[in-house]
Amino acid sequence: MEGELGAWSENVLDYFLNTNQIKTRDGAEIIWYHAANNKLQMKEAIQSAAHMIEADVLLCGEEEGNGEPIMAHPPETNSDNTLQAWLNEIVNTKKGIKLDFKSLAAVKPSMMLLEGIKLHLRRLVWINADILPGPNGTNAVVDAKRFLDTVTSFCPDVTLSLGWTTGWQPQQCNKGYSWAMVKEMAQICDALTQPVTFPVRAALVRQSKSELLWLLQKSNRYSLTVWTGRHDKYSIEDLLYLRENFDKSRIYYDILEPQNSKFRKAIGIEV
């Protein structure tokens, strides 16, 4: 099993170093394409310089629970792209993939599709869901046990991306990830054997330094993936602060423009 499926959970930096797509063990070198859902976005992502392509999966006709997995992000519930068609295209690239699930309904049929192409998809596969409530989080969480049981039974060696539901309020003091939040996540992940990355919101990370450092120190399997809300206010200095305080090989940056280009320029990575 390990030899056959190992590529799915290979360290991101090792994979892209070994394929000569990056130069150093620095998570900031990894370029992301976010929300590559419809066919136009998917084509753009494939042709882009991105190393990792992130997309969102939900079940067509989710209320009935008998549809097929399609590529869309709520509130969108329709798409011109199915997961099957999406995977058929991605298989022919050297890019890693991250599939994001907002509910449990699409997980099992999606894992069955992934299992069916495992011999052809010999590269990084990340599976993401928000399984715990986080700072200002109002969205429903995906049931942690059922999500993890389903994913690991079909695809035992994917990299798991396990996050918290979060919110960000303008003109307010936004609290970060609390000790209770990171300790609950650590408890869930302690029993896992897969690599785990924790998606964390850029505007909330600086005030959570101690908690997130503690979480990363629990296992060398753990990393952070910093992401940004479209309307969040945060500074490039916040990102530089993270870089100074965390191991740069264990923190990835899936952030929006123009901050992404400004950040890469500030740390001397070609844009």
C-alpha atoms as a PDB file:
ATOM      1  CA  MET A   1       0.000   0.000   0.000  1.00  0.00           C
ATOM      2  CA  GLU A   2       2.723   2.451   0.991  1.00  0.00           C
ATOM      3  CA  GLY A   3       4.729   1.991  -2.191  1.00  0.00           C
ATOM      4  CA  GLU A   4       1.708   2.098  -4.459  1.00  0.00           C
ATOM      5  CA  LEU A   5       0.027   5.176  -3.031  1.00  0.00           C
ATOM      6  CA  GLY A   6       2.909   7.053  -1.460  1.00  0.00           C
ATOM      7  CA  ALA A   7       2.830   9.924  -3.953  1.00  0.00           C
ATOM      8  CA  TRP A   8      -0.505  11.135  -2.583  1.00  0.00           C
ATOM      9  CA  SER A   9       0.960  12.017   0.799  1.00  0.00           C
ATOM     10  CA  GLU A  10       4.488  12.950  -0.256  1.00  0.00           C
ATOM     11  CA  ASN A  11       5.746  16.156   1.310  1.00  0.00           C
ATOM     12  CA  VAL A  12       4.820  19.054  -0.976  1.00  0.00           C
ATOM     13  CA  LEU A  13       8.312  20.522  -0.994  1.00  0.00           C
ATOM     14  CA  ASP A  14       9.956  17.143  -1.619  1.00  0.00           C
ATOM     15  CA  TYR A  15       7.636  16.479  -4.554  1.00  0.00           C
ATOM     16  CA  PHE A  16       8.226  19.809  -6.273  1.00  0.00           C
ATOM     17  CA  LEU A  17      11.960  19.797  -5.516  1.00  0.00           C
ATOM     18  CA  ASN A  18      12.285  16.288  -6.954  1.00  0.00           C
ATOM     19  CA  THR A  19      10.462  17.370 -10.111  1.00  0.00           C
ATOM     20  CA  ASN A  20      12.622  20.529 -10.379  1.00  0.00           C
ATOM     21  CA  GLN A  21       9.639  22.862 -10.025  1.00  0.00           C
ATOM     22  CA  ILE A  22      11.002  24.775  -6.993  1.00  0.00           C
ATOM     23  CA  LYS A  23      14.520  25.552  -5.794  1.00  0.00           C
ATOM     24  CA  THR A  24      14.415  25.466  -1.971  1.00  0.00           C
ATOM     25  CA  ARG A  25      12.547  23.881   0.947  1.00  0.00           C
ATOM     26  CA  ASP A  26      10.395  26.959   1.421  1.00  0.00           C
ATOM     27  CA  GLY A  27       6.606  26.741   1.536  1.00  0.00           C
ATOM     28  CA  ALA A  28       6.358  30.273   0.145  1.00  0.00           C
ATOM     29  CA  GLU A  29       7.702  28.990  -3.183  1.00  0.00           C
ATOM     30  CA  ILE A  30       4.534  26.978  -3.761  1.00  0.00           C
ATOM     31  CA  ILE A  31       2.096  28.796  -6.059  1.00  0.00           C
ATOM     32  CA  TRP A  32      -1.626  28.111  -5.625  1.00  0.00           C
ATOM     33  CA  TYR A  33      -4.596  28.417  -7.949  1.00  0.00           C
ATOM     34  CA  HIS A  34      -7.750  28.847  -5.892  1.00  0.00           C
ATOM     35  CA  ALA A  35     -11.294  27.746  -6.849  1.00  0.00           C
ATOM     36  CA  ALA A  36     -10.498  26.047 -10.169  1.00  0.00           C
ATOM     37  CA  ASN A  37     -14.082  24.856 -10.436  1.00  0.00           C
ATOM     38  CA  ASN A  38     -15.755  25.504 -13.775  1.00  0.00           C
ATOM     39  CA  LYS A  39     -14.163  24.381 -17.037  1.00  0.00           C
ATOM     40  CA  LEU A  40     -12.748  27.813 -17.838  1.00  0.00           C
ATOM     41  CA  GLN A  41     -11.143  28.152 -14.380  1.00  0.00           C
ATOM     42  CA  MET A  42      -9.839  24.580 -14.590  1.00  0.00           C
ATOM     43  CA  LYS A  43      -8.226  25.220 -17.977  1.00  0.00           C
ATOM     44  CA  GLU A  44      -6.681  28.461 -16.700  1.00  0.00           C
ATOM     45  CA  ALA A  45      -5.332  26.656 -13.620  1.00  0.00           C
ATOM     46  CA  ILE A  46      -3.793  23.869 -15.702  1.00  0.00           C
ATOM     47  CA  GLN A  47      -2.061  26.392 -17.974  1.00  0.00           C
ATOM     48  CA  SER A  48      -0.907  28.576 -15.068  1.00  0.00           C
ATOM     49  CA  ALA A  49       2.368  28.478 -13.144  1.00  0.00           C
ATOM     50  CA  ALA A  50       0.548  27.094 -10.087  1.00  0.00           C
ATOM     51  CA  HIS A  51       1.982  24.043  -8.361  1.00  0.00           C
ATOM     52  CA  MET A  52      -1.187  23.254  -6.391  1.00  0.00           C
ATOM     53  CA  ILE A  53      -4.743  23.514  -7.721  1.00  0.00           C
ATOM     54  CA  GLU A  54      -7.545  23.941  -5.178  1.00  0.00           C
ATOM     55  CA  ALA A  55     -11.161  23.215  -6.093  1.00  0.00           C
ATOM     56  CA  ASP A  56     -14.490  22.736  -4.323  1.00  0.00           C
ATOM     57  CA  VAL A  57     -16.655  19.630  -4.502  1.00  0.00           C
ATOM     58  CA  LEU A  58     -20.336  19.276  -3.732  1.00  0.00           C
ATOM     59  CA  LEU A  59     -23.008  16.785  -4.669  1.00  0.00           C
ATOM     60  CA  CYS A  60     -25.368  17.688  -7.485  1.00  0.00           C
ATOM     61  CA  GLY A  61     -28.821  17.478  -5.952  1.00  0.00           C
ATOM     62  CA  GLU A  62     -27.246  17.300  -2.490  1.00  0.00           C
ATOM     63  CA  GLU A  63     -30.591  17.292  -0.680  1.00  0.00           C
ATOM     64  CA  GLU A  64     -31.515  13.987  -2.303  1.00  0.00           C
ATOM     65  CA  GLY A  65     -28.013  12.639  -1.756  1.00  0.00           C
ATOM     66  CA  ASN A  66     -27.949  10.679  -5.008  1.00  0.00           C
ATOM     67  CA  GLY A  67     -26.275  13.086  -7.419  1.00  0.00           C
ATOM     68  CA  GLU A  68     -22.734  13.042  -8.745  1.00  0.00           C
ATOM     69  CA  PRO A  69     -19.875  15.161  -7.402  1.00  0.00           C
ATOM     70  CA  ILE A  70     -19.568  18.487  -9.222  1.00  0.00           C
ATOM     71  CA  MET A  71     -17.127  21.367  -8.952  1.00  0.00           C
ATOM     72  CA  ALA A  72     -18.755  24.381  -7.292  1.00  0.00           C
ATOM     73  CA  HIS A  73     -18.485  26.541  -4.184  1.00  0.00           C
ATOM     74  CA  PRO A  74     -21.633  27.452  -2.238  1.00  0.00           C
ATOM     75  CA  PRO A  75     -23.823  29.441  -2.793  1.00  0.00           C
ATOM     76  CA  GLU A  76     -23.328  28.064  -6.324  1.00  0.00           C
ATOM     77  CA  THR A  77     -24.992  24.658  -6.617  1.00  0.00           C
ATOM     78  CA  ASN A  78     -24.575  24.050 -10.349  1.00  0.00           C
ATOM     79  CA  SER A  79     -21.499  23.624 -12.501  1.00  0.00           C
ATOM     80  CA  ASP A  80     -20.453  22.801 -16.049  1.00  0.00           C
ATOM     81  CA  ASN A  81     -17.798  20.524 -14.552  1.00  0.00           C
ATOM     82  CA  THR A  82     -17.997  17.198 -12.741  1.00  0.00           C
ATOM     83  CA  LEU A  83     -15.291  15.838 -10.461  1.00  0.00           C
ATOM     84  CA  GLN A  84     -14.837  12.930 -12.884  1.00  0.00           C
ATOM     85  CA  ALA A  85     -14.157  15.298 -15.800  1.00  0.00           C
ATOM     86  CA  TRP A  86     -11.944  17.491 -13.605  1.00  0.00           C
ATOM     87  CA  LEU A  87      -9.800  14.543 -12.509  1.00  0.00           C
ATOM     88  CA  ASN A  88      -9.525  13.288 -16.097  1.00  0.00           C
ATOM     89  CA  GLU A  89      -7.900  16.609 -17.040  1.00  0.00           C
ATOM     90  CA  ILE A  90      -5.702  16.974 -13.946  1.00  0.00           C
ATOM     91  CA  VAL A  91      -4.269  13.480 -14.405  1.00  0.00           C
ATOM     92  CA  ASN A  92      -2.339  14.768 -17.418  1.00  0.00           C
ATOM     93  CA  THR A  93      -0.516  17.478 -15.444  1.00  0.00           C
ATOM     94  CA  LYS A  94       2.278  17.566 -12.859  1.00  0.00           C
ATOM     95  CA  LYS A  95       0.244  19.664 -10.444  1.00  0.00           C
ATOM     96  CA  GLY A  96      -0.852  18.690  -6.951  1.00  0.00           C
ATOM     97  CA  ILE A  97      -4.531  18.927  -6.030  1.00  0.00           C
ATOM     98  CA  LYS A  98      -6.548  20.021  -3.020  1.00  0.00           C
ATOM     99  CA  LEU A  99     -10.239  19.127  -2.916  1.00  0.00           C
ATOM    100  CA  ASP A 100     -12.383  21.109  -0.490  1.00  0.00           C
ATOM    101  CA  PHE A 101     -15.600  19.689   0.976  1.00  0.00           C
ATOM    102  CA  LYS A 102     -18.186  21.898   2.684  1.00  0.00           C
ATOM    103  CA  SER A 103     -20.460  18.966   3.587  1.00  0.00           C
ATOM    104  CA  LEU A 104     -20.277  15.223   4.057  1.00  0.00           C
ATOM    105  CA  ALA A 105     -22.611  14.256   1.208  1.00  0.00           C
ATOM    106  CA  ALA A 106     -20.013  14.521  -1.574  1.00  0.00           C
ATOM    107  CA  VAL A 107     -17.149  12.869   0.308  1.00  0.00           C
ATOM    108  CA  LYS A 108     -17.837   9.155  -0.225  1.00  0.00           C
ATOM    109  CA  PRO A 109     -18.682   9.332  -3.960  1.00  0.00           C
ATOM    110  CA  SER A 110     -15.631  11.557  -4.476  1.00  0.00           C
ATOM    111  CA  MET A 111     -13.320   9.167  -2.641  1.00  0.00           C
ATOM    112  CA  MET A 112     -14.659   6.323  -4.777  1.00  0.00           C
ATOM    113  CA  LEU A 113     -13.738   8.289  -7.911  1.00  0.00           C
ATOM    114  CA  LEU A 114     -10.276   9.028  -6.527  1.00  0.00           C
ATOM    115  CA  GLU A 115      -9.728   5.398  -5.607  1.00  0.00           C
ATOM    116  CA  GLY A 116     -10.649   4.454  -9.167  1.00  0.00           C
ATOM    117  CA  ILE A 117      -7.861   6.545 -10.720  1.00  0.00           C
ATOM    118  CA  LYS A 118      -5.182   6.084  -8.068  1.00  0.00           C
ATOM    119  CA  LEU A 119      -2.782   4.326 -10.425  1.00  0.00           C
ATOM    120  CA  HIS A 120      -2.926   7.244 -12.873  1.00  0.00           C
ATOM    121  CA  LEU A 121      -2.831  10.074 -10.324  1.00  0.00           C
ATOM    122  CA  ARG A 122       0.651   9.652  -8.934  1.00  0.00           C
ATOM    123  CA  ARG A 123       1.058  12.996  -7.230  1.00  0.00           C
ATOM    124  CA  LEU A 124      -0.045  15.060  -4.252  1.00  0.00           C
ATOM    125  CA  VAL A 125      -3.666  14.794  -3.130  1.00  0.00           C
ATOM    126  CA  TRP A 126      -4.960  16.958  -0.277  1.00  0.00           C
ATOM    127  CA  ILE A 127      -8.488  16.532   1.072  1.00  0.00           C
ATOM    128  CA  ASN A 128      -9.901  19.506   2.998  1.00  0.00           C
ATOM    129  CA  ALA A 129     -12.820  20.131   5.354  1.00  0.00           C
ATOM    130  CA  ASP A 130     -13.552  22.452   8.269  1.00  0.00           C
ATOM    131  CA  ILE A 131     -14.202  19.980  11.073  1.00  0.00           C
ATOM    132  CA  LEU A 132     -14.239  22.289  14.130  1.00  0.00           C
ATOM    133  CA  PRO A 133     -15.757  25.679  14.997  1.00  0.00           C
ATOM    134  CA  GLY A 134     -13.138  28.436  15.087  1.00  0.00           C
ATOM    135  CA  PRO A 135     -12.932  32.190  15.706  1.00  0.00           C
ATOM    136  CA  ASN A 136     -16.207  33.895  14.691  1.00  0.00           C
ATOM    137  CA  GLY A 137     -17.174  30.727  12.843  1.00  0.00           C
ATOM    138  CA  THR A 138     -20.848  30.537  11.873  1.00  0.00           C
ATOM    139  CA  ASN A 139     -20.873  27.957   9.071  1.00  0.00           C
ATOM    140  CA  ALA A 140     -21.727  24.348   9.864  1.00  0.00           C
ATOM    141  CA  VAL A 141     -18.750  22.073  10.438  1.00  0.00           C
ATOM    142  CA  VAL A 142     -18.252  18.774   8.628  1.00  0.00           C
ATOM    143  CA  ASP A 143     -18.601  15.904  11.102  1.00  0.00           C
ATOM    144  CA  ALA A 144     -14.974  15.059  11.955  1.00  0.00           C
ATOM    145  CA  LYS A 145     -15.311  11.342  12.667  1.00  0.00           C
ATOM    146  CA  ARG A 146     -17.463  10.537   9.656  1.00  0.00           C
ATOM    147  CA  PHE A 147     -15.294  12.654   7.353  1.00  0.00           C
ATOM    148  CA  LEU A 148     -12.041  11.081   8.521  1.00  0.00           C
ATOM    149  CA  ASP A 149     -13.449   7.547   8.552  1.00  0.00           C
ATOM    150  CA  THR A 150     -14.731   7.925   4.990  1.00  0.00           C
ATOM    151  CA  VAL A 151     -11.601   9.534   3.561  1.00  0.00           C
ATOM    152  CA  THR A 152      -9.135   7.175   5.228  1.00  0.00           C
ATOM    153  CA  SER A 153     -11.099   4.019   4.397  1.00  0.00           C
ATOM    154  CA  PHE A 154     -10.967   4.756   0.651  1.00  0.00           C
ATOM    155  CA  CYS A 155      -7.788   6.837   0.386  1.00  0.00           C
ATOM    156  CA  PRO A 156      -5.651   6.077   3.445  1.00  0.00           C
ATOM    157  CA  ASP A 157      -2.588   8.053   2.434  1.00  0.00           C
ATOM    158  CA  VAL A 158      -3.893  11.391   1.210  1.00  0.00           C
ATOM    159  CA  THR A 159      -2.713  14.496   3.005  1.00  0.00           C
ATOM    160  CA  LEU A 160      -5.510  15.740   5.254  1.00  0.00           C
ATOM    161  CA  SER A 161      -6.263  19.457   5.398  1.00  0.00           C
ATOM    162  CA  LEU A 162      -8.294  19.973   8.574  1.00  0.00           C
ATOM    163  CA  GLY A 163      -9.560  23.397   9.501  1.00  0.00           C
ATOM    164  CA  TRP A 164     -11.870  25.477  11.629  1.00  0.00           C
ATOM    165  CA  THR A 165     -14.887  27.491  10.492  1.00  0.00           C
ATOM    166  CA  THR A 166     -13.955  31.156  10.885  1.00  0.00           C
ATOM    167  CA  GLY A 167     -15.232  34.668  10.349  1.00  0.00           C
ATOM    168  CA  TRP A 168     -13.662  38.113  10.238  1.00  0.00           C
ATOM    169  CA  GLN A 169     -15.362  41.328  11.333  1.00  0.00           C
ATOM    170  CA  PRO A 170     -14.189  44.751  10.091  1.00  0.00           C
ATOM    171  CA  GLN A 171     -13.697  47.520  12.674  1.00  0.00           C
ATOM    172  CA  GLN A 172     -13.545  44.948  15.470  1.00  0.00           C
ATOM    173  CA  CYS A 173     -10.873  43.223  17.485  1.00  0.00           C
ATOM    174  CA  ASN A 174     -10.869  39.740  15.974  1.00  0.00           C
ATOM    175  CA  LYS A 175      -9.689  37.052  18.364  1.00  0.00           C
ATOM    176  CA  GLY A 176      -7.436  34.308  17.061  1.00  0.00           C
ATOM    177  CA  TYR A 177      -7.414  30.539  17.448  1.00  0.00           C
ATOM    178  CA  SER A 178      -7.825  29.727  21.148  1.00  0.00           C
ATOM    179  CA  TRP A 179      -6.034  27.099  23.210  1.00  0.00           C
ATOM    180  CA  ALA A 180      -9.271  25.100  23.393  1.00  0.00           C
ATOM    181  CA  MET A 181      -9.513  25.109  19.588  1.00  0.00           C
ATOM    182  CA  VAL A 182      -5.970  23.915  18.924  1.00  0.00           C
ATOM    183  CA  LYS A 183      -6.076  21.332  21.717  1.00  0.00           C
ATOM    184  CA  GLU A 184      -9.280  19.818  20.347  1.00  0.00           C
ATOM    185  CA  MET A 185      -7.692  19.639  16.892  1.00  0.00           C
ATOM    186  CA  ALA A 186      -4.547  18.042  18.329  1.00  0.00           C
ATOM    187  CA  GLN A 187      -6.646  15.406  20.057  1.00  0.00           C
ATOM    188  CA  ILE A 188      -8.411  14.493  16.802  1.00  0.00           C
ATOM    189  CA  CYS A 189      -5.186  14.376  14.778  1.00  0.00           C
ATOM    190  CA  ASP A 190      -3.141  12.459  17.329  1.00  0.00           C
ATOM    191  CA  ALA A 191      -4.630   9.147  16.211  1.00  0.00           C
ATOM    192  CA  LEU A 192      -3.975   9.815  12.515  1.00  0.00           C
ATOM    193  CA  THR A 193      -0.924   8.621  10.594  1.00  0.00           C
ATOM    194  CA  GLN A 194      -1.338  10.878   7.556  1.00  0.00           C
ATOM    195  CA  PRO A 195       0.355  14.230   7.021  1.00  0.00           C
ATOM    196  CA  VAL A 196      -1.997  16.988   8.203  1.00  0.00           C
ATOM    197  CA  THR A 197      -2.022  20.634   7.190  1.00  0.00           C
ATOM    198  CA  PHE A 198      -4.108  23.136   9.129  1.00  0.00           C
ATOM    199  CA  PRO A 199      -5.665  25.885   6.995  1.00  0.00           C
ATOM    200  CA  VAL A 200      -5.531  29.097   9.030  1.00  0.00           C
ATOM    201  CA  ARG A 201      -6.917  32.536   8.211  1.00  0.00           C
ATOM    202  CA  ALA A 202      -4.193  35.132   7.628  1.00  0.00           C
ATOM    203  CA  ALA A 203      -6.031  37.883   9.526  1.00  0.00           C
ATOM    204  CA  LEU A 204      -6.256  35.666  12.638  1.00  0.00           C
ATOM    205  CA  VAL A 205      -2.826  34.049  12.761  1.00  0.00           C
ATOM    206  CA  ARG A 206      -0.610  36.755  14.283  1.00  0.00           C
ATOM    207  CA  GLN A 207      -2.706  36.776  17.468  1.00  0.00           C
ATOM    208  CA  SER A 208      -2.514  32.955  17.584  1.00  0.00           C
ATOM    209  CA  LYS A 209       1.258  32.502  17.368  1.00  0.00           C
ATOM    210  CA  SER A 210       1.718  30.594  20.645  1.00  0.00           C
ATOM    211  CA  GLU A 211      -1.238  28.296  20.040  1.00  0.00           C
ATOM    212  CA  LEU A 212      -0.256  27.417  16.475  1.00  0.00           C
ATOM    213  CA  LEU A 213       3.423  26.922  17.323  1.00  0.00           C
ATOM    214  CA  TRP A 214       2.324  24.521  20.058  1.00  0.00           C
ATOM    215  CA  LEU A 215       0.131  22.640  17.570  1.00  0.00           C
ATOM    216  CA  LEU A 216       2.935  22.272  15.016  1.00  0.00           C
ATOM    217  CA  GLN A 217       5.295  21.005  17.696  1.00  0.00           C
ATOM    218  CA  LYS A 218       2.948  18.083  18.403  1.00  0.00           C
ATOM    219  CA  SER A 219       4.089  16.238  15.267  1.00  0.00           C
ATOM    220  CA  ASN A 220       6.474  16.664  12.360  1.00  0.00           C
ATOM    221  CA  ARG A 221       3.566  15.503  10.166  1.00  0.00           C
ATOM    222  CA  TYR A 222       1.849  18.871  10.696  1.00  0.00           C
ATOM    223  CA  SER A 223       2.016  22.080   8.671  1.00  0.00           C
ATOM    224  CA  LEU A 224       0.009  25.292   8.222  1.00  0.00           C
ATOM    225  CA  THR A 225      -1.632  26.624   5.073  1.00  0.00           C
ATOM    226  CA  VAL A 226      -2.377  30.342   5.361  1.00  0.00           C
ATOM    227  CA  TRP A 227      -5.429  31.507   3.406  1.00  0.00           C
ATOM    228  CA  THR A 228      -7.253  34.806   3.096  1.00  0.00           C
ATOM    229  CA  GLY A 229     -10.854  35.925   2.998  1.00  0.00           C
ATOM    230  CA  ARG A 230     -11.632  38.216   0.073  1.00  0.00           C
ATOM    231  CA  HIS A 231     -12.483  41.203   2.280  1.00  0.00           C
ATOM    232  CA  ASP A 232     -10.119  40.530   5.198  1.00  0.00           C
ATOM    233  CA  LYS A 233      -7.787  43.296   6.307  1.00  0.00           C
ATOM    234  CA  TYR A 234      -4.267  42.185   7.165  1.00  0.00           C
ATOM    235  CA  SER A 235      -0.790  43.427   6.360  1.00  0.00           C
ATOM    236  CA  ILE A 236       2.229  42.013   4.572  1.00  0.00           C
ATOM    237  CA  GLU A 237       3.982  42.543   7.927  1.00  0.00           C
ATOM    238  CA  ASP A 238       1.612  39.946   9.424  1.00  0.00           C
ATOM    239  CA  LEU A 239       2.803  37.411   6.839  1.00  0.00           C
ATOM    240  CA  LEU A 240       6.453  38.345   7.408  1.00  0.00           C
ATOM    241  CA  TYR A 241       5.882  37.904  11.151  1.00  0.00           C
ATOM    242  CA  LEU A 242       4.685  34.342  10.531  1.00  0.00           C
ATOM    243  CA  ARG A 243       7.706  33.661   8.392  1.00  0.00           C
ATOM    244  CA  GLU A 244      10.046  34.871  11.126  1.00  0.00           C
ATOM    245  CA  ASN A 245       8.402  32.774  13.831  1.00  0.00           C
ATOM    246  CA  PHE A 246       7.602  29.499  12.062  1.00  0.00           C
ATOM    247  CA  ASP A 247       9.703  26.937  10.202  1.00  0.00           C
ATOM    248  CA  LYS A 248       9.429  28.134   6.588  1.00  0.00           C
ATOM    249  CA  SER A 249       9.301  24.550   5.333  1.00  0.00           C
ATOM    250  CA  ARG A 250       6.076  23.971   7.294  1.00  0.00           C
ATOM    251  CA  ILE A 251       3.959  26.933   6.246  1.00  0.00           C
ATOM    252  CA  TYR A 252       2.249  27.437   2.879  1.00  0.00           C
ATOM    253  CA  TYR A 253       0.578  30.593   1.578  1.00  0.00           C
ATOM    254  CA  ASP A 254      -2.610  30.281  -0.469  1.00  0.00           C
ATOM    255  CA  ILE A 255      -3.327  34.017  -0.489  1.00  0.00           C
ATOM    256  CA  LEU A 256      -5.093  36.382  -2.855  1.00  0.00           C
ATOM    257  CA  GLU A 257      -3.677  39.178  -4.964  1.00  0.00           C
ATOM    258  CA  PRO A 258      -2.356  41.798  -4.608  1.00  0.00           C
ATOM    259  CA  GLN A 259      -0.973  40.639  -1.232  1.00  0.00           C
ATOM    260  CA  ASN A 260       0.468  37.450  -2.717  1.00  0.00           C
ATOM    261  CA  SER A 261       2.743  39.292  -5.166  1.00  0.00           C
ATOM    262  CA  LYS A 262       3.711  41.882  -2.542  1.00  0.00           C
ATOM    263  CA  PHE A 263       4.593  39.148  -0.053  1.00  0.00           C
ATOM    264  CA  ARG A 264       6.664  37.168  -2.550  1.00  0.00           C
ATOM    265  CA  LYS A 265       8.504  40.332  -3.574  1.00  0.00           C
ATOM    266  CA  ALA A 266       9.194  41.216   0.080  1.00  0.00           C
ATOM    267  CA  ILE A 267      10.862  37.851   0.727  1.00  0.00           C
ATOM    268  CA  GLY A 268      12.812  37.818  -2.534  1.00  0.00           C
ATOM    269  CA  ILE A 269      10.861  35.207  -4.480  1.00  0.00           C
ATOM    270  CA  GLU A 270      10.356  36.007  -8.162  1.00  0.00           C
ATOM    271  CA  VAL A 271       6.790  36.974  -8.993  1.00  0.00           C
END
